[in-house]
Amino acid sequence: MPYQTWPANSHRSAEGHPMAKGISELDVHQAADDIIAAGERPTVERIRAHLGTGSPNTVTRWLETWWQTVGFRLRQRAIEAAVPGIPERVAHLSQRLWQAALQDAGELAQTQLESTRHALEERERLLEEDRVALTLAIEASQKREREAQVQTQAAATTAEQLAAQVSQMTAQVQDLLRQRDGAYGRAERLEQELDAVRRSLGEAAAAHEEERRALQAHVRAVEDRAHTEVDRHRQALRSAEQEWGRERMALATSLRESEQQAIAAANREQQALRRLEGVNARADGLEAQLTSLKETTRQVTEALRQGRANTATPSRQSKPRRTAPRRVGEPTQEPNSRKSKT
């Protein structure tokens, strides 16, 4: 529970001014006397309102001492009121003396009260510190309580969620159990099928082993034949290489001979070309001679035709002498005049 404070108006005087701190026992007693004189019962709230200051604990403590001495003071006042015929000056002097005695006693009591008040204020300060610490502890406790309530609510919500999850998981477990039973049945069927497959695999493995041995034997035979064939081909290759060596030597010899023959043929061709050039030159000369001879023959023939036309019986002396045809390549016989010139 938080610390219970006094009402706000208890810290102010009846005029509304802020209360001053520090009161004495005499102040409380006089305030109580004034309240009694006003026809009201002295209370802590009324005394604090009358004085405008004072803590409830201090006022309560001094109010208790006032109640303890109220009887004595009432009797004293009754005695004073019962003495008849006291002169006013004597009564006034007695009152002043009494007030002086009360003041001295009050000062002594005030000194003692100051010491006690300091101790009480220190105690009150410690109590206030304890109250503040207790208030903080209470607030922390209340905060922890609120947090605990929040955590409790969260835990309750979590518990509900967990309960729902448990229900869901229970249903899932039941479903998994049914699936497990079905899986056991399927596993038995699969085990039977596996046994059948294993038997088939065993038979297939035996057949495969037999086939493998036969295949190995066939491979060995093929390898043997292949080795024999390779050896034969190697021998044939060596023979072919030897034959090729011989043929290459023969071809080299033939190539050299062909080169020599080609050189000789080239030489012969050069010679033939040179001879051909000479023949061409002679042919050109012969062609010129033939042209000249044809012209001469034409002229002779023309002359003969004219002579026949002039004479019916030409004499033998007038007939031109016929020359034998020359052969190609034979030099042309020139006239005597030309021979003489040469």
C-alpha atoms as a PDB file:
ATOM      1  CA  MET A   1       0.000   0.000   0.000  1.00  0.00           C
ATOM      2  CA  PRO A   2       1.353   3.532  -0.761  1.00  0.00           C
ATOM      3  CA  TYR A   3       2.110   5.877   2.119  1.00  0.00           C
ATOM      4  CA  GLN A   4      -1.043   7.711   3.341  1.00  0.00           C
ATOM      5  CA  THR A   5      -0.426  11.474   3.279  1.00  0.00           C
ATOM      6  CA  TRP A   6      -2.423  14.082   5.155  1.00  0.00           C
ATOM      7  CA  PRO A   7      -5.008  16.178   3.357  1.00  0.00           C
ATOM      8  CA  ALA A   8      -3.675  19.100   1.398  1.00  0.00           C
ATOM      9  CA  ASN A   9      -5.353  21.709   3.675  1.00  0.00           C
ATOM     10  CA  SER A  10      -3.581  20.266   6.747  1.00  0.00           C
ATOM     11  CA  HIS A  11      -0.317  21.829   5.556  1.00  0.00           C
ATOM     12  CA  ARG A  12      -1.716  25.354   5.505  1.00  0.00           C
ATOM     13  CA  SER A  13      -2.981  27.684   8.190  1.00  0.00           C
ATOM     14  CA  ALA A  14      -6.556  28.866   8.489  1.00  0.00           C
ATOM     15  CA  GLU A  15      -5.561  32.003   6.507  1.00  0.00           C
ATOM     16  CA  GLY A  16      -4.200  29.857   3.691  1.00  0.00           C
ATOM     17  CA  HIS A  17      -0.496  30.689   4.258  1.00  0.00           C
ATOM     18  CA  PRO A  18       2.139  27.969   4.056  1.00  0.00           C
ATOM     19  CA  MET A  19       3.049  26.377   7.372  1.00  0.00           C
ATOM     20  CA  ALA A  20       6.428  27.055   8.986  1.00  0.00           C
ATOM     21  CA  LYS A  21       8.396  24.142  10.300  1.00  0.00           C
ATOM     22  CA  GLY A  22       9.327  23.598  13.996  1.00  0.00           C
ATOM     23  CA  ILE A  23       6.880  23.892  16.940  1.00  0.00           C
ATOM     24  CA  SER A  24       7.314  23.509  20.710  1.00  0.00           C
ATOM     25  CA  GLU A  25       5.245  21.779  23.343  1.00  0.00           C
ATOM     26  CA  LEU A  26       4.161  25.191  24.681  1.00  0.00           C
ATOM     27  CA  ASP A  27       2.901  26.193  21.225  1.00  0.00           C
ATOM     28  CA  VAL A  28       0.777  23.055  21.060  1.00  0.00           C
ATOM     29  CA  HIS A  29      -0.535  23.551  24.601  1.00  0.00           C
ATOM     30  CA  GLN A  30      -1.477  27.211  23.961  1.00  0.00           C
ATOM     31  CA  ALA A  31      -3.177  26.242  20.708  1.00  0.00           C
ATOM     32  CA  ALA A  32      -5.120  23.532  22.541  1.00  0.00           C
ATOM     33  CA  ASP A  33      -6.125  26.086  25.218  1.00  0.00           C
ATOM     34  CA  ASP A  34      -7.323  28.492  22.531  1.00  0.00           C
ATOM     35  CA  ILE A  35      -9.351  25.730  20.849  1.00  0.00           C
ATOM     36  CA  ILE A  36     -10.898  24.779  24.225  1.00  0.00           C
ATOM     37  CA  ALA A  37     -11.673  28.456  24.872  1.00  0.00           C
ATOM     38  CA  ALA A  38     -13.435  28.527  21.480  1.00  0.00           C
ATOM     39  CA  GLY A  39     -15.643  25.653  22.614  1.00  0.00           C
ATOM     40  CA  GLU A  40     -14.078  23.008  20.337  1.00  0.00           C
ATOM     41  CA  ARG A  41     -12.262  19.793  21.094  1.00  0.00           C
ATOM     42  CA  PRO A  42      -8.516  19.969  20.418  1.00  0.00           C
ATOM     43  CA  THR A  43      -7.501  17.588  17.639  1.00  0.00           C
ATOM     44  CA  VAL A  44      -4.326  17.174  15.652  1.00  0.00           C
ATOM     45  CA  GLU A  45      -5.903  18.659  12.527  1.00  0.00           C
ATOM     46  CA  ARG A  46      -7.326  21.669  14.400  1.00  0.00           C
ATOM     47  CA  ILE A  47      -4.027  22.370  16.208  1.00  0.00           C
ATOM     48  CA  ARG A  48      -2.069  22.159  12.946  1.00  0.00           C
ATOM     49  CA  ALA A  49      -4.615  24.429  11.270  1.00  0.00           C
ATOM     50  CA  HIS A  50      -4.423  26.878  14.197  1.00  0.00           C
ATOM     51  CA  LEU A  51      -0.597  26.949  14.244  1.00  0.00           C
ATOM     52  CA  GLY A  52      -0.136  26.712  10.509  1.00  0.00           C
ATOM     53  CA  THR A  53       2.715  24.245  10.944  1.00  0.00           C
ATOM     54  CA  GLY A  54       3.766  21.055  12.715  1.00  0.00           C
ATOM     55  CA  SER A  55       4.017  17.462  11.694  1.00  0.00           C
ATOM     56  CA  PRO A  56       1.218  15.122  12.760  1.00  0.00           C
ATOM     57  CA  ASN A  57       3.607  13.049  14.877  1.00  0.00           C
ATOM     58  CA  THR A  58       4.921  16.098  16.793  1.00  0.00           C
ATOM     59  CA  VAL A  59       1.440  17.566  17.328  1.00  0.00           C
ATOM     60  CA  THR A  60       0.156  14.182  18.498  1.00  0.00           C
ATOM     61  CA  ARG A  61       3.016  13.832  20.981  1.00  0.00           C
ATOM     62  CA  TRP A  62       2.596  17.338  22.455  1.00  0.00           C
ATOM     63  CA  LEU A  63      -1.181  16.976  22.467  1.00  0.00           C
ATOM     64  CA  GLU A  64      -0.813  13.920  24.703  1.00  0.00           C
ATOM     65  CA  THR A  65       1.264  15.914  27.229  1.00  0.00           C
ATOM     66  CA  TRP A  66      -1.391  18.651  27.102  1.00  0.00           C
ATOM     67  CA  TRP A  67      -4.073  16.118  28.006  1.00  0.00           C
ATOM     68  CA  GLN A  68      -1.870  14.931  30.891  1.00  0.00           C
ATOM     69  CA  THR A  69      -1.574  18.477  32.357  1.00  0.00           C
ATOM     70  CA  VAL A  70      -4.984  19.808  31.482  1.00  0.00           C
ATOM     71  CA  GLY A  71      -6.439  18.746  34.867  1.00  0.00           C
ATOM     72  CA  PHE A  72      -3.729  20.542  36.843  1.00  0.00           C
ATOM     73  CA  ARG A  73      -4.152  23.750  34.888  1.00  0.00           C
ATOM     74  CA  LEU A  74      -7.929  23.656  35.227  1.00  0.00           C
ATOM     75  CA  ARG A  75      -7.600  23.229  38.978  1.00  0.00           C
ATOM     76  CA  GLN A  76      -5.094  26.092  39.128  1.00  0.00           C
ATOM     77  CA  ARG A  77      -7.465  28.366  37.286  1.00  0.00           C
ATOM     78  CA  ALA A  78     -10.297  27.294  39.568  1.00  0.00           C
ATOM     79  CA  ILE A  79      -8.199  28.220  42.638  1.00  0.00           C
ATOM     80  CA  GLU A  80      -7.382  31.580  41.155  1.00  0.00           C
ATOM     81  CA  ALA A  81     -10.981  32.222  40.406  1.00  0.00           C
ATOM     82  CA  ALA A  82     -12.077  31.116  43.952  1.00  0.00           C
ATOM     83  CA  VAL A  83      -9.837  33.601  45.890  1.00  0.00           C
ATOM     84  CA  PRO A  84     -12.110  36.525  46.717  1.00  0.00           C
ATOM     85  CA  GLY A  85     -11.156  40.154  47.338  1.00  0.00           C
ATOM     86  CA  ILE A  86      -7.692  40.067  45.709  1.00  0.00           C
ATOM     87  CA  PRO A  87      -6.773  43.568  44.634  1.00  0.00           C
ATOM     88  CA  GLU A  88      -6.444  44.000  40.926  1.00  0.00           C
ATOM     89  CA  ARG A  89      -2.860  45.198  41.184  1.00  0.00           C
ATOM     90  CA  VAL A  90      -1.962  42.181  43.342  1.00  0.00           C
ATOM     91  CA  ALA A  91      -3.732  39.861  41.000  1.00  0.00           C
ATOM     92  CA  HIS A  92      -2.021  41.493  38.054  1.00  0.00           C
ATOM     93  CA  LEU A  93       1.367  41.262  39.799  1.00  0.00           C
ATOM     94  CA  SER A  94       0.726  37.674  40.734  1.00  0.00           C
ATOM     95  CA  GLN A  95      -0.210  36.938  37.176  1.00  0.00           C
ATOM     96  CA  ARG A  96       2.983  38.573  35.927  1.00  0.00           C
ATOM     97  CA  LEU A  97       5.045  36.612  38.435  1.00  0.00           C
ATOM     98  CA  TRP A  98       3.263  33.478  37.460  1.00  0.00           C
ATOM     99  CA  GLN A  99       3.850  34.201  33.805  1.00  0.00           C
ATOM    100  CA  ALA A 100       7.532  34.881  34.507  1.00  0.00           C
ATOM    101  CA  ALA A 101       7.786  31.600  36.375  1.00  0.00           C
ATOM    102  CA  LEU A 102       5.991  29.860  33.565  1.00  0.00           C
ATOM    103  CA  GLN A 103       8.280  31.562  31.068  1.00  0.00           C
ATOM    104  CA  ASP A 104      11.400  30.427  32.963  1.00  0.00           C
ATOM    105  CA  ALA A 105       9.984  26.961  33.267  1.00  0.00           C
ATOM    106  CA  GLY A 106       8.992  27.121  29.634  1.00  0.00           C
ATOM    107  CA  GLU A 107      12.480  28.189  28.557  1.00  0.00           C
ATOM    108  CA  LEU A 108      13.963  25.307  30.529  1.00  0.00           C
ATOM    109  CA  ALA A 109      11.415  22.987  29.127  1.00  0.00           C
ATOM    110  CA  GLN A 110      12.004  24.526  25.691  1.00  0.00           C
ATOM    111  CA  THR A 111      15.706  23.705  25.935  1.00  0.00           C
ATOM    112  CA  GLN A 112      14.892  20.163  26.870  1.00  0.00           C
ATOM    113  CA  LEU A 113      12.223  20.046  24.223  1.00  0.00           C
ATOM    114  CA  GLU A 114      14.656  21.355  21.590  1.00  0.00           C
ATOM    115  CA  SER A 115      16.991  18.511  22.346  1.00  0.00           C
ATOM    116  CA  THR A 116      14.130  16.068  22.293  1.00  0.00           C
ATOM    117  CA  ARG A 117      12.755  17.710  19.163  1.00  0.00           C
ATOM    118  CA  HIS A 118      16.082  17.336  17.357  1.00  0.00           C
ATOM    119  CA  ALA A 119      16.176  13.678  18.292  1.00  0.00           C
ATOM    120  CA  LEU A 120      12.581  13.259  17.190  1.00  0.00           C
ATOM    121  CA  GLU A 121      13.244  15.136  13.962  1.00  0.00           C
ATOM    122  CA  GLU A 122      16.212  12.883  13.299  1.00  0.00           C
ATOM    123  CA  ARG A 123      14.014   9.900  14.009  1.00  0.00           C
ATOM    124  CA  GLU A 124      11.315  11.413  11.830  1.00  0.00           C
ATOM    125  CA  ARG A 125      13.899  11.943   9.080  1.00  0.00           C
ATOM    126  CA  LEU A 126      14.991   8.330   9.369  1.00  0.00           C
ATOM    127  CA  LEU A 127      11.368   7.263   9.370  1.00  0.00           C
ATOM    128  CA  GLU A 128      10.799   9.428   6.293  1.00  0.00           C
ATOM    129  CA  GLU A 129      13.749   7.777   4.586  1.00  0.00           C
ATOM    130  CA  ASP A 130      12.370   4.404   5.608  1.00  0.00           C
ATOM    131  CA  ARG A 131       8.996   5.511   4.295  1.00  0.00           C
ATOM    132  CA  VAL A 132      10.509   6.601   0.979  1.00  0.00           C
ATOM    133  CA  ALA A 133      12.464   3.364   0.753  1.00  0.00           C
ATOM    134  CA  LEU A 134       9.341   1.436   1.691  1.00  0.00           C
ATOM    135  CA  THR A 135       7.346   3.397  -0.898  1.00  0.00           C
ATOM    136  CA  LEU A 136       9.949   2.609  -3.546  1.00  0.00           C
ATOM    137  CA  ALA A 137       9.973  -1.022  -2.455  1.00  0.00           C
ATOM    138  CA  ILE A 138       6.171  -1.083  -2.561  1.00  0.00           C
ATOM    139  CA  GLU A 139       6.164   0.527  -6.007  1.00  0.00           C
ATOM    140  CA  ALA A 140       8.796  -1.954  -7.191  1.00  0.00           C
ATOM    141  CA  SER A 141       6.748  -4.755  -5.669  1.00  0.00           C
ATOM    142  CA  GLN A 142       3.624  -3.427  -7.362  1.00  0.00           C
ATOM    143  CA  LYS A 143       5.542  -3.172 -10.641  1.00  0.00           C
ATOM    144  CA  ARG A 144       6.760  -6.736 -10.195  1.00  0.00           C
ATOM    145  CA  GLU A 145       3.225  -7.733  -9.338  1.00  0.00           C
ATOM    146  CA  ARG A 146       1.944  -6.086 -12.524  1.00  0.00           C
ATOM    147  CA  GLU A 147       4.708  -7.725 -14.520  1.00  0.00           C
ATOM    148  CA  ALA A 148       3.885 -11.019 -12.826  1.00  0.00           C
ATOM    149  CA  GLN A 149       0.242 -10.515 -13.760  1.00  0.00           C
ATOM    150  CA  VAL A 150       1.239  -9.794 -17.349  1.00  0.00           C
ATOM    151  CA  GLN A 151       3.514 -12.826 -17.315  1.00  0.00           C
ATOM    152  CA  THR A 152       0.731 -14.857 -15.737  1.00  0.00           C
ATOM    153  CA  GLN A 153      -1.659 -13.759 -18.460  1.00  0.00           C
ATOM    154  CA  ALA A 154       0.983 -14.498 -21.091  1.00  0.00           C
ATOM    155  CA  ALA A 155       1.636 -17.858 -19.439  1.00  0.00           C
ATOM    156  CA  ALA A 156      -2.100 -18.551 -19.424  1.00  0.00           C
ATOM    157  CA  THR A 157      -2.293 -17.630 -23.105  1.00  0.00           C
ATOM    158  CA  THR A 158       0.782 -19.751 -23.776  1.00  0.00           C
ATOM    159  CA  ALA A 159      -0.758 -22.588 -21.777  1.00  0.00           C
ATOM    160  CA  GLU A 160      -3.912 -22.342 -23.873  1.00  0.00           C
ATOM    161  CA  GLN A 161      -1.836 -22.333 -27.034  1.00  0.00           C
ATOM    162  CA  LEU A 162       0.198 -25.264 -25.738  1.00  0.00           C
ATOM    163  CA  ALA A 163      -2.995 -27.096 -24.858  1.00  0.00           C
ATOM    164  CA  ALA A 164      -4.250 -26.498 -28.401  1.00  0.00           C
ATOM    165  CA  GLN A 165      -0.887 -27.635 -29.751  1.00  0.00           C
ATOM    166  CA  VAL A 166      -1.012 -30.706 -27.502  1.00  0.00           C
ATOM    167  CA  SER A 167      -4.458 -31.527 -28.839  1.00  0.00           C
ATOM    168  CA  GLN A 168      -3.242 -31.005 -32.376  1.00  0.00           C
ATOM    169  CA  MET A 169      -0.114 -33.065 -31.724  1.00  0.00           C
ATOM    170  CA  THR A 170      -2.234 -35.792 -30.117  1.00  0.00           C
ATOM    171  CA  ALA A 171      -4.320 -35.939 -33.272  1.00  0.00           C
ATOM    172  CA  GLN A 172      -1.138 -35.977 -35.332  1.00  0.00           C
ATOM    173  CA  VAL A 173       0.266 -38.775 -33.168  1.00  0.00           C
ATOM    174  CA  GLN A 174      -2.906 -40.789 -33.699  1.00  0.00           C
ATOM    175  CA  ASP A 175      -2.630 -40.162 -37.413  1.00  0.00           C
ATOM    176  CA  LEU A 176       1.062 -41.125 -37.327  1.00  0.00           C
ATOM    177  CA  LEU A 177       0.187 -44.305 -35.436  1.00  0.00           C
ATOM    178  CA  ARG A 178      -2.318 -45.202 -38.124  1.00  0.00           C
ATOM    179  CA  GLN A 179       0.280 -44.391 -40.761  1.00  0.00           C
ATOM    180  CA  ARG A 180       2.801 -46.502 -38.846  1.00  0.00           C
ATOM    181  CA  ASP A 181       0.432 -49.468 -38.814  1.00  0.00           C
ATOM    182  CA  GLY A 182      -0.117 -49.004 -42.533  1.00  0.00           C
ATOM    183  CA  ALA A 183       3.638 -48.647 -43.015  1.00  0.00           C
ATOM    184  CA  TYR A 184       4.201 -51.902 -41.105  1.00  0.00           C
ATOM    185  CA  GLY A 185       1.834 -53.661 -43.489  1.00  0.00           C
ATOM    186  CA  ARG A 186       3.505 -52.125 -46.500  1.00  0.00           C
ATOM    187  CA  ALA A 187       6.912 -52.978 -45.022  1.00  0.00           C
ATOM    188  CA  GLU A 188       5.906 -56.638 -44.719  1.00  0.00           C
ATOM    189  CA  ARG A 189       4.728 -56.658 -48.321  1.00  0.00           C
ATOM    190  CA  LEU A 190       7.889 -54.885 -49.407  1.00  0.00           C
ATOM    191  CA  GLU A 191       9.965 -57.387 -47.419  1.00  0.00           C
ATOM    192  CA  GLN A 192       8.293 -60.225 -49.283  1.00  0.00           C
ATOM    193  CA  GLU A 193       8.846 -58.448 -52.575  1.00  0.00           C
ATOM    194  CA  LEU A 194      12.447 -57.813 -51.521  1.00  0.00           C
ATOM    195  CA  ASP A 195      12.964 -61.516 -50.838  1.00  0.00           C
ATOM    196  CA  ALA A 196      11.599 -62.300 -54.285  1.00  0.00           C
ATOM    197  CA  VAL A 197      13.852 -59.664 -55.810  1.00  0.00           C
ATOM    198  CA  ARG A 198      16.821 -61.050 -53.887  1.00  0.00           C
ATOM    199  CA  ARG A 199      16.110 -64.529 -55.238  1.00  0.00           C
ATOM    200  CA  SER A 200      15.783 -63.113 -58.734  1.00  0.00           C
ATOM    201  CA  LEU A 201      18.996 -61.188 -58.240  1.00  0.00           C
ATOM    202  CA  GLY A 202      20.735 -64.349 -57.037  1.00  0.00           C
ATOM    203  CA  GLU A 203      19.604 -66.225 -60.100  1.00  0.00           C
ATOM    204  CA  ALA A 204      20.509 -63.323 -62.332  1.00  0.00           C
ATOM    205  CA  ALA A 205      23.900 -63.055 -60.612  1.00  0.00           C
ATOM    206  CA  ALA A 206      24.572 -66.750 -61.232  1.00  0.00           C
ATOM    207  CA  ALA A 207      23.559 -66.388 -64.869  1.00  0.00           C
ATOM    208  CA  HIS A 208      25.621 -63.235 -65.126  1.00  0.00           C
ATOM    209  CA  GLU A 209      28.628 -64.998 -63.616  1.00  0.00           C
ATOM    210  CA  GLU A 210      28.301 -67.808 -66.143  1.00  0.00           C
ATOM    211  CA  GLU A 211      27.924 -65.307 -68.948  1.00  0.00           C
ATOM    212  CA  ARG A 212      30.878 -63.353 -67.591  1.00  0.00           C
ATOM    213  CA  ARG A 213      33.101 -66.451 -67.605  1.00  0.00           C
ATOM    214  CA  ALA A 214      32.007 -67.256 -71.153  1.00  0.00           C
ATOM    215  CA  LEU A 215      32.613 -63.666 -72.175  1.00  0.00           C
ATOM    216  CA  GLN A 216      36.061 -63.724 -70.548  1.00  0.00           C
ATOM    217  CA  ALA A 217      36.916 -66.892 -72.473  1.00  0.00           C
ATOM    218  CA  HIS A 218      35.670 -65.272 -75.681  1.00  0.00           C
ATOM    219  CA  VAL A 219      37.653 -62.134 -74.918  1.00  0.00           C
ATOM    220  CA  ARG A 220      40.796 -64.156 -74.292  1.00  0.00           C
ATOM    221  CA  ALA A 221      40.288 -65.996 -77.600  1.00  0.00           C
ATOM    222  CA  VAL A 222      39.692 -62.726 -79.409  1.00  0.00           C
ATOM    223  CA  GLU A 223      42.759 -61.224 -77.745  1.00  0.00           C
ATOM    224  CA  ASP A 224      44.836 -64.236 -78.818  1.00  0.00           C
ATOM    225  CA  ARG A 225      43.577 -63.916 -82.384  1.00  0.00           C
ATOM    226  CA  ALA A 226      44.170 -60.205 -82.238  1.00  0.00           C
ATOM    227  CA  HIS A 227      47.729 -60.702 -80.998  1.00  0.00           C
ATOM    228  CA  THR A 228      48.344 -63.207 -83.804  1.00  0.00           C
ATOM    229  CA  GLU A 229      46.830 -60.850 -86.353  1.00  0.00           C
ATOM    230  CA  VAL A 230      48.873 -57.975 -84.972  1.00  0.00           C
ATOM    231  CA  ASP A 231      52.037 -60.030 -85.214  1.00  0.00           C
ATOM    232  CA  ARG A 232      51.128 -60.955 -88.792  1.00  0.00           C
ATOM    233  CA  HIS A 233      50.449 -57.357 -89.681  1.00  0.00           C
ATOM    234  CA  ARG A 234      53.677 -56.290 -88.030  1.00  0.00           C
ATOM    235  CA  GLN A 235      55.573 -58.864 -90.125  1.00  0.00           C
ATOM    236  CA  ALA A 236      53.750 -57.717 -93.252  1.00  0.00           C
ATOM    237  CA  LEU A 237      54.515 -54.122 -92.319  1.00  0.00           C
ATOM    238  CA  ARG A 238      58.197 -54.902 -91.948  1.00  0.00           C
ATOM    239  CA  SER A 239      58.144 -56.690 -95.326  1.00  0.00           C
ATOM    240  CA  ALA A 240      56.279 -53.776 -96.886  1.00  0.00           C
ATOM    241  CA  GLU A 241      58.762 -51.352 -95.378  1.00  0.00           C
ATOM    242  CA  GLN A 242      61.637 -53.368 -96.816  1.00  0.00           C
ATOM    243  CA  GLU A 243      59.898 -53.553-100.220  1.00  0.00           C
ATOM    244  CA  TRP A 244      59.175 -49.841-100.073  1.00  0.00           C
ATOM    245  CA  GLY A 245      62.844 -49.229 -99.286  1.00  0.00           C
ATOM    246  CA  ARG A 246      63.855 -51.159-102.348  1.00  0.00           C
ATOM    247  CA  GLU A 247      61.237 -49.459-104.507  1.00  0.00           C
ATOM    248  CA  ARG A 248      62.251 -46.080-103.137  1.00  0.00           C
ATOM    249  CA  MET A 249      65.863 -46.776-104.068  1.00  0.00           C
ATOM    250  CA  ALA A 250      64.771 -47.906-107.526  1.00  0.00           C
ATOM    251  CA  LEU A 251      62.575 -44.858-107.888  1.00  0.00           C
ATOM    252  CA  ALA A 252      65.441 -42.652-106.795  1.00  0.00           C
ATOM    253  CA  THR A 253      67.687 -44.271-109.407  1.00  0.00           C
ATOM    254  CA  SER A 254      64.964 -43.981-112.042  1.00  0.00           C
ATOM    255  CA  LEU A 255      64.393 -40.372-111.022  1.00  0.00           C
ATOM    256  CA  ARG A 256      68.052 -39.587-111.430  1.00  0.00           C
ATOM    257  CA  GLU A 257      68.060 -41.296-114.831  1.00  0.00           C
ATOM    258  CA  SER A 258      64.893 -39.437-115.792  1.00  0.00           C
ATOM    259  CA  GLU A 259      66.461 -36.194-114.703  1.00  0.00           C
ATOM    260  CA  GLN A 260      69.538 -36.986-116.812  1.00  0.00           C
ATOM    261  CA  GLN A 261      67.322 -37.950-119.739  1.00  0.00           C
ATOM    262  CA  ALA A 262      65.309 -34.769-119.261  1.00  0.00           C
ATOM    263  CA  ILE A 263      68.517 -32.762-119.276  1.00  0.00           C
ATOM    264  CA  ALA A 264      69.638 -34.572-122.445  1.00  0.00           C
ATOM    265  CA  ALA A 265      66.214 -34.071-124.007  1.00  0.00           C
ATOM    266  CA  ALA A 266      66.370 -30.419-123.072  1.00  0.00           C
ATOM    267  CA  ASN A 267      69.773 -30.208-124.728  1.00  0.00           C
ATOM    268  CA  ARG A 268      68.438 -32.002-127.781  1.00  0.00           C
ATOM    269  CA  GLU A 269      65.468 -29.693-127.798  1.00  0.00           C
ATOM    270  CA  GLN A 270      67.769 -26.685-127.729  1.00  0.00           C
ATOM    271  CA  GLN A 271      69.756 -28.174-130.587  1.00  0.00           C
ATOM    272  CA  ALA A 272      66.555 -28.938-132.495  1.00  0.00           C
ATOM    273  CA  LEU A 273      65.365 -25.397-131.905  1.00  0.00           C
ATOM    274  CA  ARG A 274      68.602 -24.047-133.230  1.00  0.00           C
ATOM    275  CA  ARG A 275      68.356 -26.377-136.262  1.00  0.00           C
ATOM    276  CA  LEU A 276      64.744 -25.355-136.700  1.00  0.00           C
ATOM    277  CA  GLU A 277      65.750 -21.728-136.684  1.00  0.00           C
ATOM    278  CA  GLY A 278      68.276 -22.511-139.418  1.00  0.00           C
ATOM    279  CA  VAL A 279      65.669 -24.460-141.384  1.00  0.00           C
ATOM    280  CA  ASN A 280      63.214 -21.614-141.034  1.00  0.00           C
ATOM    281  CA  ALA A 281      65.824 -19.214-142.286  1.00  0.00           C
ATOM    282  CA  ARG A 282      66.523 -21.473-145.274  1.00  0.00           C
ATOM    283  CA  ALA A 283      62.800 -21.913-145.835  1.00  0.00           C
ATOM    284  CA  ASP A 284      62.392 -18.166-145.931  1.00  0.00           C
ATOM    285  CA  GLY A 285      65.197 -17.981-148.520  1.00  0.00           C
ATOM    286  CA  LEU A 286      63.709 -20.822-150.543  1.00  0.00           C
ATOM    287  CA  GLU A 287      60.302 -19.190-150.402  1.00  0.00           C
ATOM    288  CA  ALA A 288      61.799 -16.000-151.778  1.00  0.00           C
ATOM    289  CA  GLN A 289      63.566 -18.012-154.483  1.00  0.00           C
ATOM    290  CA  LEU A 290      60.335 -19.855-155.261  1.00  0.00           C
ATOM    291  CA  THR A 291      58.511 -16.574-155.618  1.00  0.00           C
ATOM    292  CA  SER A 292      61.212 -15.324-157.943  1.00  0.00           C
ATOM    293  CA  LEU A 293      61.144 -18.594-159.889  1.00  0.00           C
ATOM    294  CA  LYS A 294      57.402 -18.427-160.259  1.00  0.00           C
ATOM    295  CA  GLU A 295      57.660 -14.929-161.569  1.00  0.00           C
ATOM    296  CA  THR A 296      60.357 -16.055-164.014  1.00  0.00           C
ATOM    297  CA  THR A 297      58.261 -19.041-165.083  1.00  0.00           C
ATOM    298  CA  ARG A 298      55.244 -16.779-165.583  1.00  0.00           C
ATOM    299  CA  GLN A 299      57.328 -14.454-167.685  1.00  0.00           C
ATOM    300  CA  VAL A 300      58.753 -17.346-169.732  1.00  0.00           C
ATOM    301  CA  THR A 301      55.321 -18.864-170.167  1.00  0.00           C
ATOM    302  CA  GLU A 302      53.958 -15.533-171.282  1.00  0.00           C
ATOM    303  CA  ALA A 303      56.829 -15.148-173.698  1.00  0.00           C
ATOM    304  CA  LEU A 304      56.247 -18.624-175.071  1.00  0.00           C
ATOM    305  CA  ARG A 305      52.579 -17.971-175.486  1.00  0.00           C
ATOM    306  CA  GLN A 306      53.377 -14.851-177.418  1.00  0.00           C
ATOM    307  CA  GLY A 307      55.966 -16.702-179.520  1.00  0.00           C
ATOM    308  CA  ARG A 308      53.468 -19.423-180.389  1.00  0.00           C
ATOM    309  CA  ALA A 309      51.055 -16.867-181.392  1.00  0.00           C
ATOM    310  CA  ASN A 310      53.607 -15.279-183.759  1.00  0.00           C
ATOM    311  CA  THR A 311      54.782 -18.510-185.395  1.00  0.00           C
ATOM    312  CA  ALA A 312      52.746 -21.540-186.186  1.00  0.00           C
ATOM    313  CA  THR A 313      55.757 -23.918-186.167  1.00  0.00           C
ATOM    314  CA  PRO A 314      58.232 -22.769-183.664  1.00  0.00           C
ATOM    315  CA  SER A 315      61.781 -24.005-184.117  1.00  0.00           C
ATOM    316  CA  ARG A 316      63.420 -26.205-181.585  1.00  0.00           C
ATOM    317  CA  GLN A 317      66.134 -23.615-180.953  1.00  0.00           C
ATOM    318  CA  SER A 318      63.619 -21.046-179.969  1.00  0.00           C
ATOM    319  CA  LYS A 319      62.001 -23.284-177.417  1.00  0.00           C
ATOM    320  CA  PRO A 320      63.025 -22.466-173.908  1.00  0.00           C
ATOM    321  CA  ARG A 321      65.108 -24.974-172.093  1.00  0.00           C
ATOM    322  CA  ARG A 322      63.063 -26.648-169.364  1.00  0.00           C
ATOM    323  CA  THR A 323      64.660 -26.950-165.984  1.00  0.00           C
ATOM    324  CA  ALA A 324      64.175 -29.876-163.719  1.00  0.00           C
ATOM    325  CA  PRO A 325      62.053 -29.178-160.635  1.00  0.00           C
ATOM    326  CA  ARG A 326      64.101 -28.609-157.547  1.00  0.00           C
ATOM    327  CA  ARG A 327      63.618 -30.379-154.307  1.00  0.00           C
ATOM    328  CA  VAL A 328      62.810 -28.723-151.063  1.00  0.00           C
ATOM    329  CA  GLY A 329      65.981 -27.776-149.341  1.00  0.00           C
ATOM    330  CA  GLU A 330      68.013 -27.883-152.507  1.00  0.00           C
ATOM    331  CA  PRO A 331      69.731 -24.603-153.325  1.00  0.00           C
ATOM    332  CA  THR A 332      68.400 -22.771-156.327  1.00  0.00           C
ATOM    333  CA  GLN A 333      70.672 -22.545-159.369  1.00  0.00           C
ATOM    334  CA  GLU A 334      71.180 -18.952-160.206  1.00  0.00           C
ATOM    335  CA  PRO A 335      71.785 -17.605-163.717  1.00  0.00           C
ATOM    336  CA  ASN A 336      75.292 -17.621-165.101  1.00  0.00           C
ATOM    337  CA  SER A 337      75.568 -13.918-164.685  1.00  0.00           C
ATOM    338  CA  ARG A 338      74.784 -14.254-161.023  1.00  0.00           C
ATOM    339  CA  LYS A 339      77.303 -17.111-160.722  1.00  0.00           C
ATOM    340  CA  SER A 340      79.872 -14.978-162.362  1.00  0.00           C
ATOM    341  CA  LYS A 341      79.214 -12.237-159.907  1.00  0.00           C
ATOM    342  CA  THR A 342      79.730 -14.631-157.068  1.00  0.00           C
END
